[in-house]
Structures are given as structure tokens and as C-alpha cells.
Amino acid sequence: MTTFDKREEAYENKFSYEKEQEFKIRARRNKLLGHWVAEKLALRGENIEEYIQAIVDTGVHNPDDEAIKDKILNDFISNNIKISKNEIQKEISRLHDFASDQLKNIK
């Protein structure tokens, strides 16, 4: 194996690792986000876990955050809770940073 091949392999491994970490961060963030929304919606019992799973599923099927923001906003509107899309985005960002820190501390 040449030096070039080794570098290429190292780059590919790094890229794969970074993509995997970002997936884990987003999954954790979406779970935390589901908890946050469930609390705001005053969900109880099994409804909490079902709602969290719905948020996680939305994130898995939609790589951007717009679908998640739209779902949350619609759920808040349906429950007469006033919140802006900007406030939801701020919470998504906060939880993304929190999830990232959590994963860094696991290693």
C-alpha cells in the first residue's frame, strides 16, 4: 500500500467517523427535543414515548430540520401554545450542542 493509498484510506475513515458522529448527535438531539416538546404539551405516560419516537422518526426520514420544526410548530398550534419557529430553532440548536457535549463525554 502506497503512502497515497494510506492517506486516502485515513481520509475515508475520518469522513465515515464524522458522519456517524453527526448521526448520533442528531438522534440524541431529536430524542431530547421530543422530551422538551412532550413536556410543553403536558403529555403523560405512553404518550411521551410515542411522541419522542415520532420526532426521532421525522428526523430520520427528513435530513433537514424543517420537517421537525413544522411538526413541532403544528403540534403547539393544535394545543394552543404560542411559540415561534425561531424559538423552536433556538431550542434545536441548544439541544444539538448539549447532545454533542454528551457524546464527547462518553468517550
PDB file of N, CA and C in Angstrom:
ATOM      1  N   MET A   1       0.850  -1.176   0.000  1.00  0.00           N
ATOM      2  CA  MET A   1       0.000   0.000   0.000  1.00  0.00           C
ATOM      3  C   MET A   1       0.894   1.237   0.000  1.00  0.00           C
ATOM      4  N   THR A   2       0.610   2.155  -0.904  1.00  0.00           N
ATOM      5  CA  THR A   2       1.421   3.370  -1.002  1.00  0.00           C
ATOM      6  C   THR A   2       0.989   4.385   0.043  1.00  0.00           C
ATOM      7  N   THR A   3       1.825   5.395   0.221  1.00  0.00           N
ATOM      8  CA  THR A   3       1.508   6.470   1.156  1.00  0.00           C
ATOM      9  C   THR A   3       0.214   7.158   0.747  1.00  0.00           C
ATOM     10  N   PHE A   4       0.042   7.341  -0.553  1.00  0.00           N
ATOM     11  CA  PHE A   4      -1.190   7.962  -1.048  1.00  0.00           C
ATOM     12  C   PHE A   4      -2.409   7.124  -0.686  1.00  0.00           C
ATOM     13  N   ASP A   5      -2.301   5.807  -0.861  1.00  0.00           N
ATOM     14  CA  ASP A   5      -3.409   4.907  -0.524  1.00  0.00           C
ATOM     15  C   ASP A   5      -3.738   4.978   0.966  1.00  0.00           C
ATOM     16  N   LYS A   6      -2.692   5.033   1.789  1.00  0.00           N
ATOM     17  CA  LYS A   6      -2.899   5.120   3.231  1.00  0.00           C
ATOM     18  C   LYS A   6      -3.594   6.424   3.613  1.00  0.00           C
ATOM     19  N   ARG A   7      -3.174   7.495   2.992  1.00  0.00           N
ATOM     20  CA  ARG A   7      -3.823   8.797   3.257  1.00  0.00           C
ATOM     21  C   ARG A   7      -5.282   8.785   2.823  1.00  0.00           C
ATOM     22  N   GLU A   8      -5.522   8.223   1.661  1.00  0.00           N
ATOM     23  CA  GLU A   8      -6.887   8.145   1.157  1.00  0.00           C
ATOM     24  C   GLU A   8      -7.761   7.309   2.098  1.00  0.00           C
ATOM     25  N   GLU A   9      -7.243   6.192   2.555  1.00  0.00           N
ATOM     26  CA  GLU A   9      -7.986   5.339   3.478  1.00  0.00           C
ATOM     27  C   GLU A   9      -8.242   6.065   4.805  1.00  0.00           C
ATOM     28  N   ALA A  10      -7.244   6.779   5.289  1.00  0.00           N
ATOM     29  CA  ALA A  10      -7.398   7.532   6.544  1.00  0.00           C
ATOM     30  C   ALA A  10      -8.468   8.616   6.384  1.00  0.00           C
ATOM     31  N   TYR A  11      -8.465   9.296   5.247  1.00  0.00           N
ATOM     32  CA  TYR A  11      -9.465  10.322   4.984  1.00  0.00           C
ATOM     33  C   TYR A  11     -10.868   9.717   4.930  1.00  0.00           C
ATOM     34  N   GLU A  12     -11.009   8.592   4.267  1.00  0.00           N
ATOM     35  CA  GLU A  12     -12.310   7.921   4.180  1.00  0.00           C
ATOM     36  C   GLU A  12     -12.791   7.477   5.552  1.00  0.00           C
ATOM     37  N   ASN A  13     -11.879   6.951   6.372  1.00  0.00           N
ATOM     38  CA  ASN A  13     -12.240   6.537   7.726  1.00  0.00           C
ATOM     39  C   ASN A  13     -12.680   7.729   8.562  1.00  0.00           C
ATOM     40  N   LYS A  14     -11.961   8.830   8.428  1.00  0.00           N
ATOM     41  CA  LYS A  14     -12.310  10.046   9.169  1.00  0.00           C
ATOM     42  C   LYS A  14     -13.681  10.553   8.738  1.00  0.00           C
ATOM     43  N   PHE A  15     -13.920  10.568   7.442  1.00  0.00           N
ATOM     44  CA  PHE A  15     -15.208  11.018   6.915  1.00  0.00           C
ATOM     45  C   PHE A  15     -16.344  10.146   7.443  1.00  0.00           C
ATOM     46  N   SER A  16     -16.157   8.835   7.423  1.00  0.00           N
ATOM     47  CA  SER A  16     -17.177   7.909   7.925  1.00  0.00           C
ATOM     48  C   SER A  16     -17.429   8.128   9.409  1.00  0.00           C
ATOM     49  N   TYR A  17     -16.365   8.303  10.164  1.00  0.00           N
ATOM     50  CA  TYR A  17     -16.487   8.531  11.606  1.00  0.00           C
ATOM     51  C   TYR A  17     -17.264   9.817  11.885  1.00  0.00           C
ATOM     52  N   GLU A  18     -16.933  10.888  11.161  1.00  0.00           N
ATOM     53  CA  GLU A  18     -17.613  12.166  11.372  1.00  0.00           C
ATOM     54  C   GLU A  18     -19.099  12.072  11.015  1.00  0.00           C
ATOM     55  N   LYS A  19     -19.426  11.379   9.952  1.00  0.00           N
ATOM     56  CA  LYS A  19     -20.827  11.198   9.558  1.00  0.00           C
ATOM     57  C   LYS A  19     -21.580  10.391  10.614  1.00  0.00           C
ATOM     58  N   GLU A  20     -20.944   9.346  11.129  1.00  0.00           N
ATOM     59  CA  GLU A  20     -21.565   8.532  12.171  1.00  0.00           C
ATOM     60  C   GLU A  20     -21.801   9.353  13.443  1.00  0.00           C
ATOM     61  N   GLN A  21     -20.832  10.175  13.812  1.00  0.00           N
ATOM     62  CA  GLN A  21     -20.974  11.018  14.999  1.00  0.00           C
ATOM     63  C   GLN A  21     -22.104  12.030  14.816  1.00  0.00           C
ATOM     64  N   GLU A  22     -22.185  12.615  13.646  1.00  0.00           N
ATOM     65  CA  GLU A  22     -23.251  13.590  13.392  1.00  0.00           C
ATOM     66  C   GLU A  22     -24.620  12.914  13.448  1.00  0.00           C
ATOM     67  N   PHE A  23     -24.719  11.695  12.934  1.00  0.00           N
ATOM     68  CA  PHE A  23     -25.974  10.948  13.016  1.00  0.00           C
ATOM     69  C   PHE A  23     -26.351  10.703  14.473  1.00  0.00           C
ATOM     70  N   LYS A  24     -25.385  10.279  15.284  1.00  0.00           N
ATOM     71  CA  LYS A  24     -25.647  10.028  16.698  1.00  0.00           C
ATOM     72  C   LYS A  24     -26.058  11.300  17.431  1.00  0.00           C
ATOM     73  N   ILE A  25     -25.398  12.409  17.111  1.00  0.00           N
ATOM     74  CA  ILE A  25     -25.745  13.691  17.741  1.00  0.00           C
ATOM     75  C   ILE A  25     -27.167  14.079  17.376  1.00  0.00           C
ATOM     76  N   ARG A  26     -27.516  13.982  16.095  1.00  0.00           N
ATOM     77  CA  ARG A  26     -28.875  14.338  15.665  1.00  0.00           C
ATOM     78  C   ARG A  26     -29.926  13.434  16.305  1.00  0.00           C
ATOM     79  N   ALA A  27     -29.629  12.139  16.387  1.00  0.00           N
ATOM     80  CA  ALA A  27     -30.582  11.209  17.001  1.00  0.00           C
ATOM     81  C   ALA A  27     -30.793  11.542  18.472  1.00  0.00           C
ATOM     82  N   ARG A  28     -29.707  11.808  19.179  1.00  0.00           N
ATOM     83  CA  ARG A  28     -29.807  12.163  20.595  1.00  0.00           C
ATOM     84  C   ARG A  28     -30.530  13.504  20.750  1.00  0.00           C
ATOM     85  N   ARG A  29     -30.161  14.456  19.904  1.00  0.00           N
ATOM     86  CA  ARG A  29     -30.809  15.767  19.946  1.00  0.00           C
ATOM     87  C   ARG A  29     -32.313  15.645  19.721  1.00  0.00           C
ATOM     88  N   ASN A  30     -32.711  14.839  18.745  1.00  0.00           N
ATOM     89  CA  ASN A  30     -34.131  14.687  18.451  1.00  0.00           C
ATOM     90  C   ASN A  30     -34.881  14.020  19.600  1.00  0.00           C
ATOM     91  N   LYS A  31     -34.217  13.106  20.275  1.00  0.00           N
ATOM     92  CA  LYS A  31     -34.841  12.479  21.437  1.00  0.00           C
ATOM     93  C   LYS A  31     -35.024  13.511  22.550  1.00  0.00           C
ATOM     94  N   LEU A  32     -34.004  14.311  22.797  1.00  0.00           N
ATOM     95  CA  LEU A  32     -34.110  15.380  23.803  1.00  0.00           C
ATOM     96  C   LEU A  32     -35.167  16.400  23.405  1.00  0.00           C
ATOM     97  N   LEU A  33     -35.234  16.703  22.123  1.00  0.00           N
ATOM     98  CA  LEU A  33     -36.234  17.639  21.619  1.00  0.00           C
ATOM     99  C   LEU A  33     -37.636  17.089  21.828  1.00  0.00           C
ATOM    100  N   GLY A  34     -37.806  15.805  21.582  1.00  0.00           N
ATOM    101  CA  GLY A  34     -39.096  15.164  21.822  1.00  0.00           C
ATOM    102  C   GLY A  34     -39.508  15.271  23.278  1.00  0.00           C
ATOM    103  N   HIS A  35     -38.555  15.087  24.200  1.00  0.00           N
ATOM    104  CA  HIS A  35     -38.836  15.251  25.634  1.00  0.00           C
ATOM    105  C   HIS A  35     -39.278  16.679  25.937  1.00  0.00           C
ATOM    106  N   TRP A  36     -38.566  17.646  25.366  1.00  0.00           N
ATOM    107  CA  TRP A  36     -38.879  19.061  25.599  1.00  0.00           C
ATOM    108  C   TRP A  36     -40.300  19.392  25.139  1.00  0.00           C
ATOM    109  N   VAL A  37     -40.638  18.956  23.926  1.00  0.00           N
ATOM    110  CA  VAL A  37     -41.972  19.241  23.385  1.00  0.00           C
ATOM    111  C   VAL A  37     -43.035  18.499  24.190  1.00  0.00           C
ATOM    112  N   ALA A  38     -42.789  17.246  24.517  1.00  0.00           N
ATOM    113  CA  ALA A  38     -43.759  16.456  25.296  1.00  0.00           C
ATOM    114  C   ALA A  38     -44.062  17.145  26.625  1.00  0.00           C
ATOM    115  N   GLU A  39     -43.042  17.713  27.244  1.00  0.00           N
ATOM    116  CA  GLU A  39     -43.247  18.435  28.499  1.00  0.00           C
ATOM    117  C   GLU A  39     -44.113  19.671  28.273  1.00  0.00           C
ATOM    118  N   LYS A  40     -43.821  20.420  27.215  1.00  0.00           N
ATOM    119  CA  LYS A  40     -44.605  21.627  26.890  1.00  0.00           C
ATOM    120  C   LYS A  40     -46.057  21.269  26.558  1.00  0.00           C
ATOM    121  N   LEU A  41     -46.259  20.107  25.937  1.00  0.00           N
ATOM    122  CA  LEU A  41     -47.609  19.669  25.576  1.00  0.00           C
ATOM    123  C   LEU A  41     -48.317  18.964  26.734  1.00  0.00           C
ATOM    124  N   ALA A  42     -47.598  18.807  27.843  1.00  0.00           N
ATOM    125  CA  ALA A  42     -48.129  18.146  29.049  1.00  0.00           C
ATOM    126  C   ALA A  42     -48.578  16.717  28.757  1.00  0.00           C
ATOM    127  N   LEU A  43     -47.799  16.016  27.934  1.00  0.00           N
ATOM    128  CA  LEU A  43     -48.104  14.619  27.648  1.00  0.00           C
ATOM    129  C   LEU A  43     -47.752  13.761  28.854  1.00  0.00           C
ATOM    130  N   ARG A  44     -48.427  12.645  28.983  1.00  0.00           N
ATOM    131  CA  ARG A  44     -48.212  11.748  30.120  1.00  0.00           C
ATOM    132  C   ARG A  44     -48.101  10.302  29.653  1.00  0.00           C
ATOM    133  N   GLY A  45     -47.452   9.498  30.471  1.00  0.00           N
ATOM    134  CA  GLY A  45     -47.389   8.057  30.244  1.00  0.00           C
ATOM    135  C   GLY A  45     -46.803   7.661  28.908  1.00  0.00           C
ATOM    136  N   GLU A  46     -47.471   6.713  28.266  1.00  0.00           N
ATOM    137  CA  GLU A  46     -47.005   6.180  26.989  1.00  0.00           C
ATOM    138  C   GLU A  46     -46.987   7.239  25.892  1.00  0.00           C
ATOM    139  N   ASN A  47     -47.817   8.268  26.027  1.00  0.00           N
ATOM    140  CA  ASN A  47     -47.861   9.326  25.014  1.00  0.00           C
ATOM    141  C   ASN A  47     -46.524  10.037  24.870  1.00  0.00           C
ATOM    142  N   ILE A  48     -45.770  10.117  25.969  1.00  0.00           N
ATOM    143  CA  ILE A  48     -44.461  10.769  25.917  1.00  0.00           C
ATOM    144  C   ILE A  48     -43.536   9.986  24.988  1.00  0.00           C
ATOM    145  N   GLU A  49     -43.414   8.688  25.226  1.00  0.00           N
ATOM    146  CA  GLU A  49     -42.519   7.865  24.408  1.00  0.00           C
ATOM    147  C   GLU A  49     -42.969   7.812  22.948  1.00  0.00           C
ATOM    148  N   GLU A  50     -44.271   7.765  22.723  1.00  0.00           N
ATOM    149  CA  GLU A  50     -44.793   7.764  21.352  1.00  0.00           C
ATOM    150  C   GLU A  50     -44.433   9.069  20.652  1.00  0.00           C
ATOM    151  N   TYR A  51     -44.563  10.181  21.371  1.00  0.00           N
ATOM    152  CA  TYR A  51     -44.247  11.479  20.761  1.00  0.00           C
ATOM    153  C   TYR A  51     -42.753  11.588  20.462  1.00  0.00           C
ATOM    154  N   ILE A  52     -41.936  11.170  21.410  1.00  0.00           N
ATOM    155  CA  ILE A  52     -40.487  11.205  21.199  1.00  0.00           C
ATOM    156  C   ILE A  52     -40.126  10.378  19.967  1.00  0.00           C
ATOM    157  N   GLN A  53     -40.714   9.199  19.838  1.00  0.00           N
ATOM    158  CA  GLN A  53     -40.432   8.344  18.685  1.00  0.00           C
ATOM    159  C   GLN A  53     -40.880   9.013  17.385  1.00  0.00           C
ATOM    160  N   ALA A  54     -41.992   9.740  17.429  1.00  0.00           N
ATOM    161  CA  ALA A  54     -42.467  10.444  16.232  1.00  0.00           C
ATOM    162  C   ALA A  54     -41.464  11.516  15.803  1.00  0.00           C
ATOM    163  N   ILE A  55     -40.886  12.221  16.770  1.00  0.00           N
ATOM    164  CA  ILE A  55     -39.880  13.240  16.449  1.00  0.00           C
ATOM    165  C   ILE A  55     -38.627  12.576  15.882  1.00  0.00           C
ATOM    166  N   VAL A  56     -38.178  11.501  16.505  1.00  0.00           N
ATOM    167  CA  VAL A  56     -36.995  10.781  16.027  1.00  0.00           C
ATOM    168  C   VAL A  56     -37.242  10.262  14.609  1.00  0.00           C
ATOM    169  N   ASP A  57     -38.403   9.680  14.366  1.00  0.00           N
ATOM    170  CA  ASP A  57     -38.735   9.159  13.033  1.00  0.00           C
ATOM    171  C   ASP A  57     -38.758  10.275  11.994  1.00  0.00           C
ATOM    172  N   THR A  58     -39.315  11.413  12.358  1.00  0.00           N
ATOM    173  CA  THR A  58     -39.349  12.547  11.439  1.00  0.00           C
ATOM    174  C   THR A  58     -37.934  12.952  11.064  1.00  0.00           C
ATOM    175  N   GLY A  59     -37.043  12.973  12.053  1.00  0.00           N
ATOM    176  CA  GLY A  59     -35.646  13.329  11.795  1.00  0.00           C
ATOM    177  C   GLY A  59     -34.920  12.324  10.927  1.00  0.00           C
ATOM    178  N   VAL A  60     -35.246  11.056  11.084  1.00  0.00           N
ATOM    179  CA  VAL A  60     -34.599  10.015  10.281  1.00  0.00           C
ATOM    180  C   VAL A  60     -35.039  10.113   8.817  1.00  0.00           C
ATOM    181  N   HIS A  61     -36.312  10.390   8.601  1.00  0.00           N
ATOM    182  CA  HIS A  61     -36.849  10.416   7.235  1.00  0.00           C
ATOM    183  C   HIS A  61     -36.643  11.744   6.519  1.00  0.00           C
ATOM    184  N   ASN A  62     -36.248  12.769   7.268  1.00  0.00           N
ATOM    185  CA  ASN A  62     -36.035  14.092   6.682  1.00  0.00           C
ATOM    186  C   ASN A  62     -34.693  14.636   7.163  1.00  0.00           C
ATOM    187  N   PRO A  63     -33.709  14.676   6.267  1.00  0.00           N
ATOM    188  CA  PRO A  63     -32.369  15.067   6.695  1.00  0.00           C
ATOM    189  C   PRO A  63     -32.235  16.520   7.159  1.00  0.00           C
ATOM    190  N   ASP A  64     -33.133  17.384   6.715  1.00  0.00           N
ATOM    191  CA  ASP A  64     -33.064  18.759   7.212  1.00  0.00           C
ATOM    192  C   ASP A  64     -34.013  18.911   8.399  1.00  0.00           C
ATOM    193  N   ASP A  65     -33.891  20.007   9.097  1.00  0.00           N
ATOM    194  CA  ASP A  65     -34.679  20.198  10.314  1.00  0.00           C
ATOM    195  C   ASP A  65     -36.042  20.836  10.059  1.00  0.00           C
ATOM    196  N   GLU A  66     -36.331  21.219   8.836  1.00  0.00           N
ATOM    197  CA  GLU A  66     -37.598  21.906   8.548  1.00  0.00           C
ATOM    198  C   GLU A  66     -38.810  21.039   8.884  1.00  0.00           C
ATOM    199  N   ALA A  67     -38.753  19.768   8.552  1.00  0.00           N
ATOM    200  CA  ALA A  67     -39.892  18.878   8.829  1.00  0.00           C
ATOM    201  C   ALA A  67     -40.128  18.756  10.333  1.00  0.00           C
ATOM    202  N   ILE A  68     -39.051  18.682  11.096  1.00  0.00           N
ATOM    203  CA  ILE A  68     -39.182  18.602  12.553  1.00  0.00           C
ATOM    204  C   ILE A  68     -39.771  19.892  13.100  1.00  0.00           C
ATOM    205  N   LYS A  69     -39.235  21.024  12.627  1.00  0.00           N
ATOM    206  CA  LYS A  69     -39.758  22.322  13.092  1.00  0.00           C
ATOM    207  C   LYS A  69     -41.229  22.472  12.742  1.00  0.00           C
ATOM    208  N   ASP A  70     -41.606  22.079  11.535  1.00  0.00           N
ATOM    209  CA  ASP A  70     -43.012  22.186  11.120  1.00  0.00           C
ATOM    210  C   ASP A  70     -43.906  21.294  11.978  1.00  0.00           C
ATOM    211  N   LYS A  71     -43.461  20.076  12.247  1.00  0.00           N
ATOM    212  CA  LYS A  71     -44.257  19.171  13.074  1.00  0.00           C
ATOM    213  C   LYS A  71     -44.461  19.750  14.465  1.00  0.00           C
ATOM    214  N   ILE A  72     -43.387  20.215  15.066  1.00  0.00           N
ATOM    215  CA  ILE A  72     -43.471  20.775  16.417  1.00  0.00           C
ATOM    216  C   ILE A  72     -44.363  22.006  16.427  1.00  0.00           C
ATOM    217  N   LEU A  73     -44.160  22.888  15.467  1.00  0.00           N
ATOM    218  CA  LEU A  73     -44.976  24.107  15.401  1.00  0.00           C
ATOM    219  C   LEU A  73     -46.458  23.758  15.265  1.00  0.00           C
ATOM    220  N   ASN A  74     -46.780  22.813  14.389  1.00  0.00           N
ATOM    221  CA  ASN A  74     -48.175  22.396  14.210  1.00  0.00           C
ATOM    222  C   ASN A  74     -48.744  21.774  15.482  1.00  0.00           C
ATOM    223  N   ASP A  75     -47.924  20.999  16.184  1.00  0.00           N
ATOM    224  CA  ASP A  75     -48.387  20.390  17.431  1.00  0.00           C
ATOM    225  C   ASP A  75     -48.637  21.444  18.503  1.00  0.00           C
ATOM    226  N   PHE A  76     -47.777  22.451  18.559  1.00  0.00           N
ATOM    227  CA  PHE A  76     -48.000  23.546  19.505  1.00  0.00           C
ATOM    228  C   PHE A  76     -49.267  24.329  19.141  1.00  0.00           C
ATOM    229  N   ILE A  77     -49.432  24.629  17.866  1.00  0.00           N
ATOM    230  CA  ILE A  77     -50.623  25.365  17.420  1.00  0.00           C
ATOM    231  C   ILE A  77     -51.884  24.573  17.742  1.00  0.00           C
ATOM    232  N   SER A  78     -51.857  23.259  17.494  1.00  0.00           N
ATOM    233  CA  SER A  78     -53.009  22.399  17.773  1.00  0.00           C
ATOM    234  C   SER A  78     -53.377  22.388  19.257  1.00  0.00           C
ATOM    235  N   ASN A  79     -52.405  22.668  20.096  1.00  0.00           N
ATOM    236  CA  ASN A  79     -52.632  22.671  21.538  1.00  0.00           C
ATOM    237  C   ASN A  79     -52.676  24.097  22.112  1.00  0.00           C
ATOM    238  N   ASN A  80     -52.882  25.069  21.246  1.00  0.00           N
ATOM    239  CA  ASN A  80     -52.999  26.475  21.640  1.00  0.00           C
ATOM    240  C   ASN A  80     -51.810  26.979  22.448  1.00  0.00           C
ATOM    241  N   ILE A  81     -50.613  26.529  22.065  1.00  0.00           N
ATOM    242  CA  ILE A  81     -49.386  27.002  22.694  1.00  0.00           C
ATOM    243  C   ILE A  81     -48.700  27.932  21.703  1.00  0.00           C
ATOM    244  N   LYS A  82     -48.484  29.148  22.120  1.00  0.00           N
ATOM    245  CA  LYS A  82     -47.874  30.136  21.235  1.00  0.00           C
ATOM    246  C   LYS A  82     -46.352  30.037  21.324  1.00  0.00           C
ATOM    247  N   ILE A  83     -45.763  29.778  20.177  1.00  0.00           N
ATOM    248  CA  ILE A  83     -44.309  29.702  20.072  1.00  0.00           C
ATOM    249  C   ILE A  83     -43.946  29.964  18.621  1.00  0.00           C
ATOM    250  N   SER A  84     -42.826  30.593  18.405  1.00  0.00           N
ATOM    251  CA  SER A  84     -42.402  30.883  17.034  1.00  0.00           C
ATOM    252  C   SER A  84     -41.460  29.797  16.526  1.00  0.00           C
ATOM    253  N   LYS A  85     -41.336  29.751  15.220  1.00  0.00           N
ATOM    254  CA  LYS A  85     -40.411  28.808  14.609  1.00  0.00           C
ATOM    255  C   LYS A  85     -38.975  29.141  15.031  1.00  0.00           C
ATOM    256  N   ASN A  86     -38.724  30.434  15.247  1.00  0.00           N
ATOM    257  CA  ASN A  86     -37.409  30.871  15.693  1.00  0.00           C
ATOM    258  C   ASN A  86     -37.087  30.327  17.088  1.00  0.00           C
ATOM    259  N   GLU A  87     -38.068  30.319  17.985  1.00  0.00           N
ATOM    260  CA  GLU A  87     -37.862  29.779  19.324  1.00  0.00           C
ATOM    261  C   GLU A  87     -37.589  28.270  19.267  1.00  0.00           C
ATOM    262  N   ILE A  88     -38.290  27.604  18.368  1.00  0.00           N
ATOM    263  CA  ILE A  88     -38.060  26.169  18.190  1.00  0.00           C
ATOM    264  C   ILE A  88     -36.646  25.935  17.673  1.00  0.00           C
ATOM    265  N   GLN A  89     -36.210  26.758  16.716  1.00  0.00           N
ATOM    266  CA  GLN A  89     -34.852  26.634  16.171  1.00  0.00           C
ATOM    267  C   GLN A  89     -33.808  26.868  17.253  1.00  0.00           C
ATOM    268  N   LYS A  90     -34.049  27.823  18.128  1.00  0.00           N
ATOM    269  CA  LYS A  90     -33.102  28.083  19.227  1.00  0.00           C
ATOM    270  C   LYS A  90     -32.986  26.860  20.133  1.00  0.00           C
ATOM    271  N   GLU A  91     -34.110  26.215  20.412  1.00  0.00           N
ATOM    272  CA  GLU A  91     -34.084  25.016  21.261  1.00  0.00           C
ATOM    273  C   GLU A  91     -33.386  23.870  20.537  1.00  0.00           C
ATOM    274  N   ILE A  92     -33.617  23.736  19.242  1.00  0.00           N
ATOM    275  CA  ILE A  92     -32.926  22.712  18.459  1.00  0.00           C
ATOM    276  C   ILE A  92     -31.418  22.938  18.525  1.00  0.00           C
ATOM    277  N   SER A  93     -30.989  24.158  18.359  1.00  0.00           N
ATOM    278  CA  SER A  93     -29.561  24.481  18.410  1.00  0.00           C
ATOM    279  C   SER A  93     -28.979  24.210  19.790  1.00  0.00           C
ATOM    280  N   ARG A  94     -29.707  24.610  20.824  1.00  0.00           N
ATOM    281  CA  ARG A  94     -29.240  24.392  22.196  1.00  0.00           C
ATOM    282  C   ARG A  94     -29.093  22.900  22.470  1.00  0.00           C
ATOM    283  N   LEU A  95     -30.090  22.124  22.065  1.00  0.00           N
ATOM    284  CA  LEU A  95     -30.054  20.688  22.309  1.00  0.00           C
ATOM    285  C   LEU A  95     -29.015  19.983  21.441  1.00  0.00           C
ATOM    286  N   HIS A  96     -28.755  20.523  20.262  1.00  0.00           N
ATOM    287  CA  HIS A  96     -27.702  19.965  19.411  1.00  0.00           C
ATOM    288  C   HIS A  96     -26.353  20.099  20.120  1.00  0.00           C
ATOM    289  N   ASP A  97     -26.087  21.283  20.656  1.00  0.00           N
ATOM    290  CA  ASP A  97     -24.838  21.497  21.392  1.00  0.00           C
ATOM    291  C   ASP A  97     -24.765  20.591  22.619  1.00  0.00           C
ATOM    292  N   PHE A  98     -25.881  20.458  23.321  1.00  0.00           N
ATOM    293  CA  PHE A  98     -25.936  19.620  24.520  1.00  0.00           C
ATOM    294  C   PHE A  98     -25.671  18.157  24.168  1.00  0.00           C
ATOM    295  N   ALA A  99     -26.318  17.669  23.107  1.00  0.00           N
ATOM    296  CA  ALA A  99     -26.128  16.278  22.673  1.00  0.00           C
ATOM    297  C   ALA A  99     -24.685  16.042  22.238  1.00  0.00           C
ATOM    298  N   SER A 100     -24.108  17.003  21.554  1.00  0.00           N
ATOM    299  CA  SER A 100     -22.720  16.894  21.128  1.00  0.00           C
ATOM    300  C   SER A 100     -21.794  16.788  22.332  1.00  0.00           C
ATOM    301  N   ASP A 101     -22.023  17.620  23.329  1.00  0.00           N
ATOM    302  CA  ASP A 101     -21.221  17.573  24.552  1.00  0.00           C
ATOM    303  C   ASP A 101     -21.398  16.232  25.269  1.00  0.00           C
ATOM    304  N   GLN A 102     -22.613  15.726  25.304  1.00  0.00           N
ATOM    305  CA  GLN A 102     -22.852  14.433  25.943  1.00  0.00           C
ATOM    306  C   GLN A 102     -22.059  13.329  25.271  1.00  0.00           C
ATOM    307  N   LEU A 103     -22.065  13.301  23.950  1.00  0.00           N
ATOM    308  CA  LEU A 103     -21.330  12.262  23.225  1.00  0.00           C
ATOM    309  C   LEU A 103     -19.820  12.392  23.411  1.00  0.00           C
ATOM    310  N   LYS A 104     -19.329  13.603  23.507  1.00  0.00           N
ATOM    311  CA  LYS A 104     -17.902  13.811  23.735  1.00  0.00           C
ATOM    312  C   LYS A 104     -17.497  13.280  25.099  1.00  0.00           C
ATOM    313  N   ASN A 105     -18.391  13.398  26.081  1.00  0.00           N
ATOM    314  CA  ASN A 105     -18.086  12.961  27.431  1.00  0.00           C
ATOM    315  C   ASN A 105     -18.195  11.455  27.607  1.00  0.00           C
ATOM    316  N   ILE A 106     -18.835  10.765  26.674  1.00  0.00           N
ATOM    317  CA  ILE A 106     -18.992   9.309  26.757  1.00  0.00           C
ATOM    318  C   ILE A 106     -17.673   8.621  26.421  1.00  0.00           C
ATOM    319  N   LYS A 107     -16.893   9.217  25.543  1.00  0.00           N
ATOM    320  CA  LYS A 107     -15.660   8.573  25.058  1.00  0.00           C
ATOM    321  C   LYS A 107     -14.654   8.378  26.139  1.00  0.00           C
TER     322      LYS A 107
END
